[in-house]
């Protein structure tokens, strides 16, 4: 299994938009200790959210 790192393109294991990892770290204030701050666009609107790194996988364009 690949280690997710800053700058990787990821997707939620359950599906959703393609996102870019902006930073990794301890986001325990959000309830997530091993988290990834991900960014993506919803149309022209930039979005960001912290996800548990265990719920993400590297996006591979097939």
N, C-alpha and C. Protein backbone atom coordinates (compact mmCIF):
# COMPACT_ATOMS: atom_id res chain seq x y z
N UNK A 1 0.84 -1.19 0.00
CA UNK A 1 0.00 0.00 0.00
C UNK A 1 0.88 1.24 0.00
N UNK A 2 0.47 2.23 -0.79
CA UNK A 2 1.25 3.46 -0.90
C UNK A 2 1.02 4.37 0.30
N UNK A 3 2.07 5.05 0.70
CA UNK A 3 1.99 6.04 1.77
C UNK A 3 1.52 7.35 1.15
N UNK A 4 0.45 7.92 1.67
CA UNK A 4 -0.05 9.21 1.16
C UNK A 4 0.85 10.31 1.68
N UNK A 5 1.19 11.25 0.78
CA UNK A 5 2.05 12.37 1.16
C UNK A 5 1.50 13.66 0.58
N UNK A 6 2.03 14.77 1.08
CA UNK A 6 1.62 16.09 0.62
C UNK A 6 1.78 16.19 -0.89
N UNK A 7 0.76 16.71 -1.56
CA UNK A 7 0.79 16.89 -3.00
C UNK A 7 0.18 15.74 -3.78
N UNK A 8 -0.11 14.60 -3.11
CA UNK A 8 -0.72 13.47 -3.79
C UNK A 8 -2.16 13.78 -4.18
N UNK A 9 -2.61 13.14 -5.25
CA UNK A 9 -4.00 13.20 -5.67
C UNK A 9 -4.68 11.98 -5.07
N UNK A 10 -5.78 12.22 -4.33
CA UNK A 10 -6.46 11.15 -3.60
C UNK A 10 -7.96 11.19 -3.85
N UNK A 11 -8.59 10.11 -3.44
CA UNK A 11 -10.04 10.02 -3.47
C UNK A 11 -10.48 9.26 -2.22
N UNK A 12 -11.66 9.52 -1.74
CA UNK A 12 -12.19 8.75 -0.62
C UNK A 12 -12.40 7.32 -1.06
N UNK A 13 -12.15 6.37 -0.19
CA UNK A 13 -12.36 4.96 -0.52
C UNK A 13 -13.82 4.70 -0.89
N UNK A 14 -14.73 5.53 -0.39
CA UNK A 14 -16.15 5.38 -0.69
C UNK A 14 -16.57 6.16 -1.94
N UNK A 15 -15.62 6.84 -2.59
CA UNK A 15 -15.92 7.61 -3.79
C UNK A 15 -15.94 9.11 -3.51
N UNK A 16 -16.24 9.88 -4.52
CA UNK A 16 -16.31 11.33 -4.36
C UNK A 16 -15.35 12.02 -5.32
N UNK A 17 -15.11 13.32 -5.09
CA UNK A 17 -14.26 14.09 -6.00
C UNK A 17 -12.78 13.74 -5.85
N UNK A 18 -12.03 14.00 -6.90
CA UNK A 18 -10.58 13.87 -6.85
C UNK A 18 -10.06 15.07 -6.07
N UNK A 19 -9.18 14.81 -5.09
CA UNK A 19 -8.70 15.87 -4.20
C UNK A 19 -7.18 15.86 -4.17
N UNK A 20 -6.59 16.97 -3.74
CA UNK A 20 -5.15 17.08 -3.57
C UNK A 20 -4.86 17.25 -2.08
N UNK A 21 -3.87 16.50 -1.58
CA UNK A 21 -3.48 16.60 -0.17
C UNK A 21 -2.65 17.86 0.00
N UNK A 22 -3.14 18.79 0.81
CA UNK A 22 -2.44 20.04 1.08
C UNK A 22 -1.49 19.90 2.25
N UNK A 23 -1.90 19.15 3.28
CA UNK A 23 -1.02 18.93 4.43
C UNK A 23 -1.48 17.70 5.19
N UNK A 24 -0.56 17.14 5.96
CA UNK A 24 -0.83 15.97 6.79
C UNK A 24 -0.48 16.31 8.23
N UNK A 25 -1.21 15.73 9.18
CA UNK A 25 -0.84 16.00 10.56
C UNK A 25 -1.88 15.57 11.55
N UNK A 26 -1.71 16.08 12.76
CA UNK A 26 -2.59 15.81 13.88
C UNK A 26 -3.67 16.88 13.91
N UNK A 27 -4.88 16.49 13.59
CA UNK A 27 -6.03 17.41 13.61
C UNK A 27 -6.98 17.01 14.73
N UNK A 28 -6.41 16.68 15.90
CA UNK A 28 -7.22 16.18 17.01
C UNK A 28 -8.27 17.19 17.47
N UNK A 29 -8.07 18.46 17.18
CA UNK A 29 -9.11 19.46 17.52
C UNK A 29 -10.37 19.20 16.68
N UNK A 30 -10.19 18.56 15.52
CA UNK A 30 -11.32 18.17 14.66
C UNK A 30 -11.74 16.73 14.91
N UNK A 31 -11.08 16.05 15.86
CA UNK A 31 -11.40 14.68 16.16
C UNK A 31 -10.65 13.67 15.31
N UNK A 32 -9.65 14.15 14.54
CA UNK A 32 -8.88 13.27 13.66
C UNK A 32 -7.41 13.43 13.99
N UNK A 33 -6.80 12.38 14.52
CA UNK A 33 -5.38 12.47 14.90
C UNK A 33 -4.45 12.32 13.70
N UNK A 34 -4.74 11.38 12.81
CA UNK A 34 -3.89 11.11 11.65
C UNK A 34 -4.66 11.56 10.41
N UNK A 35 -4.61 12.87 10.12
CA UNK A 35 -5.47 13.44 9.10
C UNK A 35 -4.74 14.03 7.91
N UNK A 36 -5.52 14.27 6.87
CA UNK A 36 -5.03 14.91 5.66
C UNK A 36 -5.98 16.05 5.32
N UNK A 37 -5.44 17.25 5.20
CA UNK A 37 -6.22 18.38 4.73
C UNK A 37 -6.24 18.30 3.22
N UNK A 38 -7.42 18.09 2.64
CA UNK A 38 -7.55 17.93 1.20
C UNK A 38 -8.29 19.12 0.61
N UNK A 39 -7.92 19.47 -0.62
CA UNK A 39 -8.56 20.56 -1.36
C UNK A 39 -9.06 20.04 -2.70
N UNK A 40 -10.17 20.62 -3.18
CA UNK A 40 -10.75 20.26 -4.46
C UNK A 40 -11.66 21.41 -4.89
N UNK A 41 -12.19 21.34 -6.09
CA UNK A 41 -13.11 22.35 -6.59
C UNK A 41 -14.49 21.75 -6.78
N UNK A 42 -15.50 22.50 -6.38
CA UNK A 42 -16.90 22.19 -6.65
C UNK A 42 -17.34 23.24 -7.66
N UNK A 43 -17.22 22.91 -8.95
CA UNK A 43 -17.42 23.92 -9.98
C UNK A 43 -16.25 24.89 -9.93
N UNK A 44 -16.52 26.16 -9.66
CA UNK A 44 -15.47 27.17 -9.52
C UNK A 44 -15.15 27.49 -8.06
N UNK A 45 -15.80 26.81 -7.15
CA UNK A 45 -15.64 27.08 -5.71
C UNK A 45 -14.60 26.15 -5.10
N UNK A 46 -13.51 26.71 -4.55
CA UNK A 46 -12.54 25.86 -3.87
C UNK A 46 -13.11 25.36 -2.54
N UNK A 47 -12.86 24.09 -2.25
CA UNK A 47 -13.34 23.47 -1.02
C UNK A 47 -12.15 22.86 -0.30
N UNK A 48 -12.25 22.69 1.01
CA UNK A 48 -11.22 21.99 1.77
C UNK A 48 -11.85 21.34 2.98
N UNK A 49 -11.26 20.20 3.38
CA UNK A 49 -11.76 19.47 4.55
C UNK A 49 -10.67 18.51 5.00
N UNK A 50 -10.65 18.23 6.31
CA UNK A 50 -9.73 17.25 6.87
C UNK A 50 -10.43 15.90 6.87
N UNK A 51 -9.71 14.89 6.35
CA UNK A 51 -10.20 13.52 6.32
C UNK A 51 -9.22 12.62 7.08
N UNK A 52 -9.76 11.56 7.68
CA UNK A 52 -8.90 10.54 8.28
C UNK A 52 -8.12 9.88 7.15
N UNK A 53 -6.82 9.81 7.28
CA UNK A 53 -5.97 9.28 6.22
C UNK A 53 -6.32 7.83 5.87
N UNK A 54 -6.90 7.09 6.82
CA UNK A 54 -7.28 5.69 6.56
C UNK A 54 -8.48 5.57 5.64
N UNK A 55 -9.19 6.65 5.42
CA UNK A 55 -10.35 6.65 4.52
C UNK A 55 -10.01 7.11 3.11
N UNK A 56 -8.72 7.36 2.85
CA UNK A 56 -8.29 7.85 1.54
C UNK A 56 -7.45 6.82 0.80
N UNK A 57 -7.43 6.93 -0.51
CA UNK A 57 -6.51 6.12 -1.32
C UNK A 57 -5.97 6.99 -2.44
N UNK A 58 -4.79 6.65 -2.93
CA UNK A 58 -4.17 7.37 -4.03
C UNK A 58 -5.07 7.23 -5.25
N UNK A 59 -5.31 8.34 -5.95
CA UNK A 59 -6.11 8.31 -7.17
C UNK A 59 -5.24 7.88 -8.33
N UNK A 60 -5.69 6.91 -9.06
CA UNK A 60 -4.96 6.43 -10.25
C UNK A 60 -5.89 6.53 -11.44
N UNK A 61 -5.53 7.36 -12.41
CA UNK A 61 -6.32 7.53 -13.63
C UNK A 61 -6.12 6.30 -14.51
N UNK A 62 -7.20 5.54 -14.69
CA UNK A 62 -7.06 4.29 -15.46
C UNK A 62 -7.63 4.43 -16.83
